[in-house]
Amino acid sequence: MNSYNRYVLQQLFVGLVLVAAGLTCIIWLSQSLRFVEMIVNRGLGASTFVYMTMLLLPNFLTVILPIALFAVVVFVYSKMITDRELVVMRAAGVGQFGLAKPALVMIMITMGLGYILNFYVLPESYRAFRLIQWEARNSLASVVLKEGAFNQVIKGMTVYIRERTSDGQLLGILVHDKRNPKSPETIMSERGALVESDQGARVVMFNGNRQTLYANGKLSILYFDRNVFEIPNTRENLSNRYREPRERSMMELINLDDATGISEKDYGKYKVELHKRIVSPLLGFGFAMAGLACLLYGPITRRSQTLRIVTAVVIMISLQGAALGLENVIAKNLLLIPLLYVLAFMPILAGSIMLMRHPRTSKKAAKKHRQRMKAAKA
């Protein structure tokens, strides 16, 4: 590898890392706000919160890497055009693919990383994330008891607590149960605790009373030192947990007929997920090739640089928008699946053809050059 390739490849690598890290941090912060509720209301620890959000990083990177690669390729080569470095290299006899070689090497590395993420890392990390999320929502913490608020844990049952101590005790408990409209009950106690059992959650209360109002208007009051109040089990069975397409391994997506828990209505979504994992790294290849072709095609001039960059950005946004639109359409009509591959290979082929064409100076530019030379001689 000559000095030019090392120089450009180093800039591309550093730029890709910085841009990908910046975009990842932005998306990570915006998405992690969704899980603050689990910390506040469901008692998740900070370490679990960080671990859950880290498990989502592969899902972010599959989207970020193609865009970051495109941005870095356009930025680095645009900078080299501004600094006249590409003009010097072209004058030294370096061809189109020679100029594009460092970017092509970085594209291949990024595409390989994308396939590793899509085929192996993404399904495993997202499955682990969904499992932790399921456990957080269906464990004891799923019985959300906010301090100073009336919490409807199930239909017809409201629980109020005045305070929750650091060791898990509940102070000032009030439970109103009107599931039986003929004899609604109200239970009050000084303190208690929420415990979990196989049948569901239980509120163990101390020093309180139970008030029952019967249909004939009579009120019955029972004082107790200790009372256990059952909250019916509303937990979802782990075996019945819905597994999203992103949780499925490649083998499961390939053999959908043998996979379990997939309804006919969602069959198209799983098929699209399979082909999306194959196509998305190719789309990143296409984005970068579009940027390279726009900047290296034809004579390199600073005047046309802005137009070339804008053209490359418009092409990239159009390709990304078309890919997102096709995913929704193909899920309803699987016969359109080949369009995903057409969309991915189209910019790659078009960019390769443009790079293979030898740059020629236009007649207009040649005429201006001759005029400048005559003026200089005069």
Protein backbone atom coordinates (compact mmCIF):
# COMPACT_ATOMS: atom_id res chain seq x y z
CA MET A 1 0.00 0.00 0.00
CA ASN A 2 1.55 3.30 -1.12
CA SER A 3 1.65 6.51 0.89
CA TYR A 4 -1.43 7.96 -0.86
CA ASN A 5 -3.60 4.98 0.07
CA ARG A 6 -2.35 4.99 3.68
CA TYR A 7 -2.90 8.73 3.98
CA VAL A 8 -6.47 8.68 2.66
CA LEU A 9 -7.38 5.44 4.44
CA GLN A 10 -6.23 6.88 7.76
CA GLN A 11 -8.40 9.96 7.27
CA LEU A 12 -11.39 7.81 6.30
CA PHE A 13 -10.96 5.50 9.29
CA VAL A 14 -10.60 8.30 11.84
CA GLY A 15 -13.50 10.20 10.31
CA LEU A 16 -15.73 7.12 10.26
CA VAL A 17 -15.02 6.38 13.92
CA LEU A 18 -15.71 9.97 14.98
CA VAL A 19 -18.88 10.39 12.92
CA ALA A 20 -20.25 6.97 13.91
CA ALA A 21 -19.48 7.64 17.57
CA GLY A 22 -21.15 11.06 17.44
CA LEU A 23 -24.29 9.82 15.74
CA THR A 24 -24.44 6.81 18.07
CA CYS A 25 -24.26 9.04 21.15
CA ILE A 26 -27.04 11.27 19.84
CA ILE A 27 -29.34 8.37 19.02
CA TRP A 28 -28.39 6.52 22.22
CA LEU A 29 -29.30 9.53 24.36
CA SER A 30 -32.60 10.11 22.56
CA GLN A 31 -33.62 6.45 22.74
CA SER A 32 -32.47 5.90 26.33
CA LEU A 33 -35.01 8.47 27.55
CA ARG A 34 -37.69 5.84 26.88
CA PHE A 35 -36.27 3.70 29.69
CA VAL A 36 -36.14 6.40 32.35
CA GLU A 37 -39.68 5.36 33.31
CA MET A 38 -38.36 1.91 34.20
CA ILE A 39 -35.85 3.44 36.60
CA VAL A 40 -38.35 5.80 38.22
CA ASN A 41 -41.38 3.52 38.44
CA ARG A 42 -40.08 -0.03 38.19
CA GLY A 43 -36.98 0.16 40.31
CA LEU A 44 -34.36 -0.70 37.69
CA GLY A 45 -30.80 -0.06 38.76
CA ALA A 46 -28.48 2.28 36.90
CA SER A 47 -26.25 -0.61 35.83
CA THR A 48 -29.22 -2.48 34.34
CA PHE A 49 -30.33 0.67 32.55
CA VAL A 50 -26.87 1.17 31.00
CA TYR A 51 -26.68 -2.51 30.05
CA MET A 52 -30.08 -2.36 28.32
CA THR A 53 -29.17 0.71 26.31
CA MET A 54 -25.79 -0.82 25.36
CA LEU A 55 -27.63 -3.85 24.00
CA LEU A 56 -29.38 -1.52 21.56
CA LEU A 57 -26.11 -0.21 20.08
CA PRO A 58 -25.87 -2.92 17.35
CA ASN A 59 -29.36 -1.95 16.25
CA PHE A 60 -28.25 1.68 15.96
CA LEU A 61 -24.97 0.86 14.21
CA THR A 62 -26.66 -1.03 11.38
CA VAL A 63 -28.36 2.25 10.44
CA ILE A 64 -25.55 4.64 11.37
CA LEU A 65 -22.59 2.95 9.63
CA PRO A 66 -23.82 3.36 6.01
CA ILE A 67 -24.71 7.01 6.58
CA ALA A 68 -21.47 7.72 8.45
CA LEU A 69 -19.43 6.07 5.70
CA PHE A 70 -21.12 8.18 3.04
CA ALA A 71 -20.56 11.39 5.02
CA VAL A 72 -16.89 10.63 5.63
CA VAL A 73 -16.17 9.66 2.01
CA VAL A 74 -17.79 12.83 0.70
CA PHE A 75 -16.05 15.02 3.29
CA VAL A 76 -12.55 13.57 2.84
CA TYR A 77 -12.60 13.58 -0.97
CA SER A 78 -14.19 17.02 -1.06
CA LYS A 79 -11.42 18.31 1.20
CA MET A 80 -8.80 16.74 -1.06
CA ILE A 81 -10.38 18.47 -4.07
CA THR A 82 -10.28 21.80 -2.23
CA ASP A 83 -6.61 21.26 -1.32
CA ARG A 84 -5.86 20.27 -4.96
CA GLU A 85 -4.49 16.92 -3.79
CA LEU A 86 -6.64 14.90 -6.18
CA VAL A 87 -5.64 17.17 -9.06
CA VAL A 88 -1.96 16.47 -8.32
CA MET A 89 -2.56 12.72 -8.02
CA ARG A 90 -4.49 12.64 -11.28
CA ALA A 91 -1.77 14.66 -13.00
CA ALA A 92 0.75 12.12 -11.69
CA GLY A 93 -1.07 9.44 -13.62
CA VAL A 94 -3.27 7.89 -10.94
CA GLY A 95 -6.49 6.56 -12.47
CA GLN A 96 -10.03 6.80 -11.24
CA PHE A 97 -9.99 3.53 -9.32
CA GLY A 98 -6.56 4.40 -7.97
CA LEU A 99 -8.00 7.57 -6.47
CA ALA A 100 -11.00 5.66 -5.14
CA LYS A 101 -9.02 2.66 -3.83
CA PRO A 102 -8.75 3.82 -0.16
CA ALA A 103 -12.49 4.49 -0.07
CA LEU A 104 -13.20 1.09 -1.62
CA VAL A 105 -11.06 -0.62 1.04
CA MET A 106 -12.95 1.24 3.79
CA ILE A 107 -16.25 0.32 2.13
CA MET A 108 -15.35 -3.38 2.16
CA ILE A 109 -14.32 -3.22 5.83
CA THR A 110 -17.54 -1.43 6.78
CA MET A 111 -19.65 -3.81 4.73
CA GLY A 112 -18.04 -6.82 6.43
CA LEU A 113 -18.69 -5.27 9.83
CA GLY A 114 -22.28 -4.63 8.78
CA TYR A 115 -22.81 -8.29 7.89
CA ILE A 116 -21.32 -9.42 11.20
CA LEU A 117 -23.69 -7.08 13.04
CA ASN A 118 -26.74 -8.12 10.99
CA PHE A 119 -26.15 -11.86 10.98
CA TYR A 120 -24.82 -12.50 14.49
CA VAL A 121 -24.62 -9.55 16.89
CA LEU A 122 -27.96 -7.83 16.25
CA PRO A 123 -30.32 -10.79 16.88
CA GLU A 124 -28.44 -11.86 20.02
CA SER A 125 -28.20 -8.38 21.54
CA TYR A 126 -31.80 -7.47 20.73
CA ARG A 127 -33.05 -10.80 22.12
CA ALA A 128 -31.18 -10.13 25.37
CA PHE A 129 -32.61 -6.60 25.49
CA ARG A 130 -36.18 -7.80 24.97
CA LEU A 131 -35.77 -10.47 27.65
CA ILE A 132 -34.58 -7.94 30.24
CA GLN A 133 -37.40 -5.60 29.21
CA TRP A 134 -39.94 -8.42 29.58
CA GLU A 135 -38.62 -9.37 33.02
CA ALA A 136 -38.75 -5.73 34.15
CA ARG A 137 -42.35 -5.37 33.04
CA ASN A 138 -43.55 -8.73 34.36
CA SER A 139 -41.63 -9.04 37.59
CA LEU A 140 -42.68 -7.73 40.98
CA ALA A 141 -41.85 -4.22 39.80
CA SER A 142 -44.65 -4.47 37.21
CA VAL A 143 -47.07 -3.70 40.02
CA VAL A 144 -46.41 -0.01 39.80
CA LEU A 145 -47.08 1.67 43.13
CA LYS A 146 -46.26 5.36 42.86
CA GLU A 147 -45.98 7.35 46.04
CA GLY A 148 -48.78 9.82 46.70
CA ALA A 149 -50.91 8.61 43.78
CA PHE A 150 -53.91 6.32 43.30
CA ASN A 151 -52.56 3.35 41.30
CA GLN A 152 -55.05 1.15 39.43
CA VAL A 153 -53.13 -2.14 39.43
CA ILE A 154 -56.00 -4.02 37.76
CA LYS A 155 -59.55 -3.14 36.78
CA GLY A 156 -61.60 -2.49 39.90
CA MET A 157 -58.63 -2.32 42.30
CA THR A 158 -56.90 0.89 43.37
CA VAL A 159 -53.89 1.11 45.68
CA TYR A 160 -52.53 4.21 47.37
CA ILE A 161 -49.31 4.49 49.36
CA ARG A 162 -48.10 7.58 51.17
CA GLU A 163 -44.41 6.73 51.15
CA ARG A 164 -41.97 4.03 50.04
CA THR A 165 -38.84 3.67 52.20
CA SER A 166 -35.36 2.77 50.95
CA ASP A 167 -35.61 -0.76 52.40
CA GLY A 168 -38.84 -1.50 50.46
CA GLN A 169 -41.45 -0.82 53.16
CA LEU A 170 -44.74 0.83 52.22
CA LEU A 171 -46.15 3.40 54.64
CA GLY A 172 -49.76 4.63 54.75
CA ILE A 173 -51.41 1.98 52.58
CA LEU A 174 -54.97 2.21 51.26
CA VAL A 175 -56.52 -0.46 49.03
CA HIS A 176 -59.99 -0.06 47.49
CA ASP A 177 -61.36 -3.22 45.90
CA LYS A 178 -64.66 -2.93 44.00
CA ARG A 179 -64.38 -6.00 41.79
CA ASN A 180 -67.46 -7.29 43.61
CA PRO A 181 -69.90 -4.35 43.31
CA LYS A 182 -72.23 -5.90 45.91
CA SER A 183 -69.61 -5.73 48.66
CA PRO A 184 -66.74 -3.29 47.93
CA GLU A 185 -63.89 -3.33 50.41
CA THR A 186 -61.48 -0.69 51.65
CA ILE A 187 -58.34 -1.76 53.50
CA MET A 188 -56.08 0.66 55.37
CA SER A 189 -52.88 -0.04 57.27
CA GLU A 190 -49.97 1.84 58.79
CA ARG A 191 -47.23 -0.06 56.97
CA GLY A 192 -46.59 -3.07 54.81
CA ALA A 193 -44.50 -4.59 52.01
CA LEU A 194 -44.97 -5.87 48.49
CA VAL A 195 -43.82 -9.45 47.98
CA GLU A 196 -43.98 -11.79 45.00
CA SER A 197 -45.42 -15.29 44.81
CA ASP A 198 -46.20 -17.82 42.09
CA GLN A 199 -49.86 -16.74 42.16
CA GLY A 200 -49.04 -13.07 41.81
CA ALA A 201 -48.05 -10.12 43.98
CA ARG A 202 -49.09 -9.84 47.60
CA VAL A 203 -49.32 -6.81 49.84
CA VAL A 204 -48.54 -7.79 53.44
CA MET A 205 -50.04 -5.15 55.74
CA PHE A 206 -49.65 -4.51 59.47
CA ASN A 207 -51.82 -2.61 61.97
CA GLY A 208 -54.87 -1.70 59.93
CA ASN A 209 -58.53 -2.37 59.29
CA ARG A 210 -60.78 -3.79 56.59
CA GLN A 211 -64.09 -2.04 55.82
CA THR A 212 -66.74 -3.90 53.84
CA LEU A 213 -69.97 -2.29 52.66
CA TYR A 214 -72.72 -4.85 51.96
CA ALA A 215 -75.65 -4.51 49.60
CA ASN A 216 -78.08 -3.91 52.48
CA GLY A 217 -76.10 -0.81 53.50
CA LYS A 218 -74.38 -2.33 56.52
CA LEU A 219 -70.73 -1.51 57.13
CA SER A 220 -68.42 -4.15 58.60
CA ILE A 221 -65.08 -3.13 60.10
CA LEU A 222 -62.37 -5.67 60.96
CA TYR A 223 -59.18 -4.59 62.73
CA PHE A 224 -56.05 -6.66 62.21
CA ASP A 225 -52.41 -6.81 63.24
CA ARG A 226 -51.36 -8.56 60.05
CA ASN A 227 -53.21 -9.09 56.77
CA VAL A 228 -52.22 -10.39 53.34
CA PHE A 229 -53.93 -8.93 50.31
CA GLU A 230 -53.62 -10.84 47.03
CA ILE A 231 -53.17 -9.02 43.73
CA PRO A 232 -54.21 -11.35 40.90
CA ASN A 233 -51.44 -12.58 38.61
CA THR A 234 -51.42 -10.66 35.33
CA ARG A 235 -47.94 -11.73 34.25
CA GLU A 236 -47.33 -12.89 30.74
CA ASN A 237 -45.93 -16.38 30.36
CA LEU A 238 -42.36 -16.31 29.07
CA SER A 239 -43.11 -19.10 26.60
CA ASN A 240 -45.89 -16.96 25.09
CA ARG A 241 -43.70 -13.88 24.70
CA TYR A 242 -43.91 -12.42 21.20
CA ARG A 243 -40.52 -12.49 19.54
CA GLU A 244 -39.99 -9.67 17.08
CA PRO A 245 -38.30 -10.18 13.68
CA ARG A 246 -35.09 -8.54 14.90
CA GLU A 247 -34.79 -11.16 17.66
CA ARG A 248 -34.77 -14.07 15.24
CA SER A 249 -31.52 -15.60 14.07
CA MET A 250 -30.71 -15.92 10.40
CA MET A 251 -31.50 -19.64 10.46
CA GLU A 252 -34.94 -18.95 11.93
CA LEU A 253 -35.65 -16.31 9.31
CA ILE A 254 -34.52 -18.62 6.51
CA ASN A 255 -36.64 -21.51 7.82
CA LEU A 256 -39.76 -19.54 8.65
CA ASP A 257 -42.03 -22.51 7.97
CA ASP A 258 -40.43 -24.36 10.90
CA ALA A 259 -40.31 -21.35 13.24
CA THR A 260 -42.85 -21.05 16.06
CA GLY A 261 -44.96 -18.10 17.14
CA ILE A 262 -45.26 -16.51 13.69
CA SER A 263 -48.76 -15.62 12.53
CA GLU A 264 -49.75 -15.49 8.90
CA LYS A 265 -50.36 -11.75 9.26
CA ASP A 266 -46.75 -11.11 10.35
CA TYR A 267 -45.13 -13.54 7.89
CA GLY A 268 -44.23 -10.72 5.49
CA LYS A 269 -42.44 -8.73 8.23
CA TYR A 270 -40.14 -11.66 8.97
CA LYS A 271 -39.37 -12.15 5.27
CA VAL A 272 -38.54 -8.47 4.90
CA GLU A 273 -36.27 -8.65 7.96
CA LEU A 274 -34.31 -11.51 6.35
CA HIS A 275 -33.67 -9.63 3.12
CA LYS A 276 -33.13 -6.33 4.94
CA ARG A 277 -30.19 -7.84 6.82
CA ILE A 278 -28.65 -8.90 3.51
CA VAL A 279 -29.34 -5.67 1.65
CA SER A 280 -28.52 -2.98 4.24
CA PRO A 281 -24.69 -3.34 4.00
CA LEU A 282 -25.02 -3.27 0.21
CA LEU A 283 -26.98 -0.03 0.52
CA GLY A 284 -24.07 1.43 2.47
CA PHE A 285 -21.81 0.36 -0.40
CA GLY A 286 -24.18 2.12 -2.80
CA PHE A 287 -24.23 5.32 -0.72
CA ALA A 288 -20.44 5.55 -0.72
CA MET A 289 -20.18 4.71 -4.43
CA ALA A 290 -22.67 7.47 -5.23
CA GLY A 291 -20.54 9.95 -3.30
CA LEU A 292 -17.32 8.78 -4.99
CA ALA A 293 -18.82 8.86 -8.47
CA CYS A 294 -20.25 12.35 -8.01
CA LEU A 295 -16.92 13.77 -6.78
CA LEU A 296 -14.50 11.93 -9.10
CA TYR A 297 -16.49 11.82 -12.34
CA GLY A 298 -15.19 14.15 -15.01
CA PRO A 299 -12.82 17.06 -14.52
CA ILE A 300 -12.11 17.99 -10.91
CA THR A 301 -12.88 21.65 -10.32
CA ARG A 302 -13.67 23.63 -7.23
CA ARG A 303 -16.51 25.50 -8.94
CA SER A 304 -18.60 22.37 -9.48
CA GLN A 305 -17.75 20.90 -6.07
CA THR A 306 -20.82 22.22 -4.23
CA LEU A 307 -23.16 20.95 -6.93
CA ARG A 308 -21.49 17.52 -6.82
CA ILE A 309 -21.86 17.29 -3.02
CA VAL A 310 -25.52 18.34 -3.16
CA THR A 311 -26.15 15.77 -5.91
CA ALA A 312 -24.53 13.02 -3.84
CA VAL A 313 -26.58 13.94 -0.74
CA VAL A 314 -29.83 13.98 -2.73
CA ILE A 315 -29.03 10.55 -4.21
CA MET A 316 -28.26 9.11 -0.77
CA ILE A 317 -31.43 10.49 0.80
CA SER A 318 -33.50 9.24 -2.14
CA LEU A 319 -32.02 5.74 -1.85
CA GLN A 320 -32.59 5.63 1.91
CA GLY A 321 -36.17 6.87 1.57
CA ALA A 322 -36.88 4.39 -1.20
CA ALA A 323 -35.50 1.54 0.91
CA LEU A 324 -37.71 2.46 3.88
CA GLY A 325 -40.77 2.78 1.65
CA LEU A 326 -40.09 -0.55 -0.05
CA GLU A 327 -39.86 -2.37 3.28
CA ASN A 328 -43.44 -1.46 4.14
CA VAL A 329 -44.74 -2.26 0.66
CA ILE A 330 -42.86 -5.58 0.35
CA ALA A 331 -44.21 -6.77 3.72
CA LYS A 332 -47.65 -6.79 2.10
CA ASN A 333 -46.51 -8.13 -1.28
CA LEU A 334 -43.52 -10.49 -1.14
CA LEU A 335 -43.31 -10.64 -4.94
CA LEU A 336 -41.60 -7.24 -4.82
CA ILE A 337 -38.60 -8.52 -2.81
CA PRO A 338 -36.23 -8.34 -5.85
CA LEU A 339 -36.75 -4.57 -5.88
CA LEU A 340 -34.71 -4.33 -2.67
CA TYR A 341 -31.73 -5.89 -4.44
CA VAL A 342 -32.24 -3.75 -7.53
CA LEU A 343 -32.22 -0.65 -5.33
CA ALA A 344 -29.01 -1.80 -3.60
CA PHE A 345 -27.05 -2.78 -6.73
CA MET A 346 -28.18 0.12 -8.92
CA PRO A 347 -25.92 2.80 -7.36
CA ILE A 348 -23.03 0.32 -7.12
CA LEU A 349 -23.17 -0.48 -10.84
CA ALA A 350 -23.80 3.12 -11.88
CA GLY A 351 -20.94 4.36 -9.69
CA SER A 352 -18.57 1.71 -11.03
CA ILE A 353 -19.38 2.63 -14.64
CA MET A 354 -18.81 6.32 -13.93
CA LEU A 355 -15.47 5.59 -12.25
CA MET A 356 -14.34 3.44 -15.18
CA ARG A 357 -14.83 6.28 -17.64
CA HIS A 358 -11.62 8.21 -18.20
CA PRO A 359 -12.09 11.89 -17.24
CA ARG A 360 -11.97 14.22 -20.19
CA THR A 361 -11.71 17.94 -20.16
CA SER A 362 -14.81 19.52 -21.64
CA LYS A 363 -14.57 21.67 -24.75
CA LYS A 364 -15.71 24.69 -22.79
CA ALA A 365 -13.03 24.18 -20.13
CA ALA A 366 -10.38 23.54 -22.81
CA LYS A 367 -11.35 26.74 -24.61
CA LYS A 368 -11.08 28.75 -21.41
CA HIS A 369 -7.69 27.17 -20.72
CA ARG A 370 -6.39 28.17 -24.18
CA GLN A 371 -7.67 31.71 -23.68
CA ARG A 372 -5.87 31.97 -20.32
CA MET A 373 -2.66 30.67 -21.93
CA LYS A 374 -2.89 33.25 -24.76
CA ALA A 375 -3.53 36.02 -22.25
CA ALA A 376 -0.54 34.95 -20.21
CA LYS A 377 1.73 34.99 -23.29
CA ALA A 378 0.45 38.39 -24.29
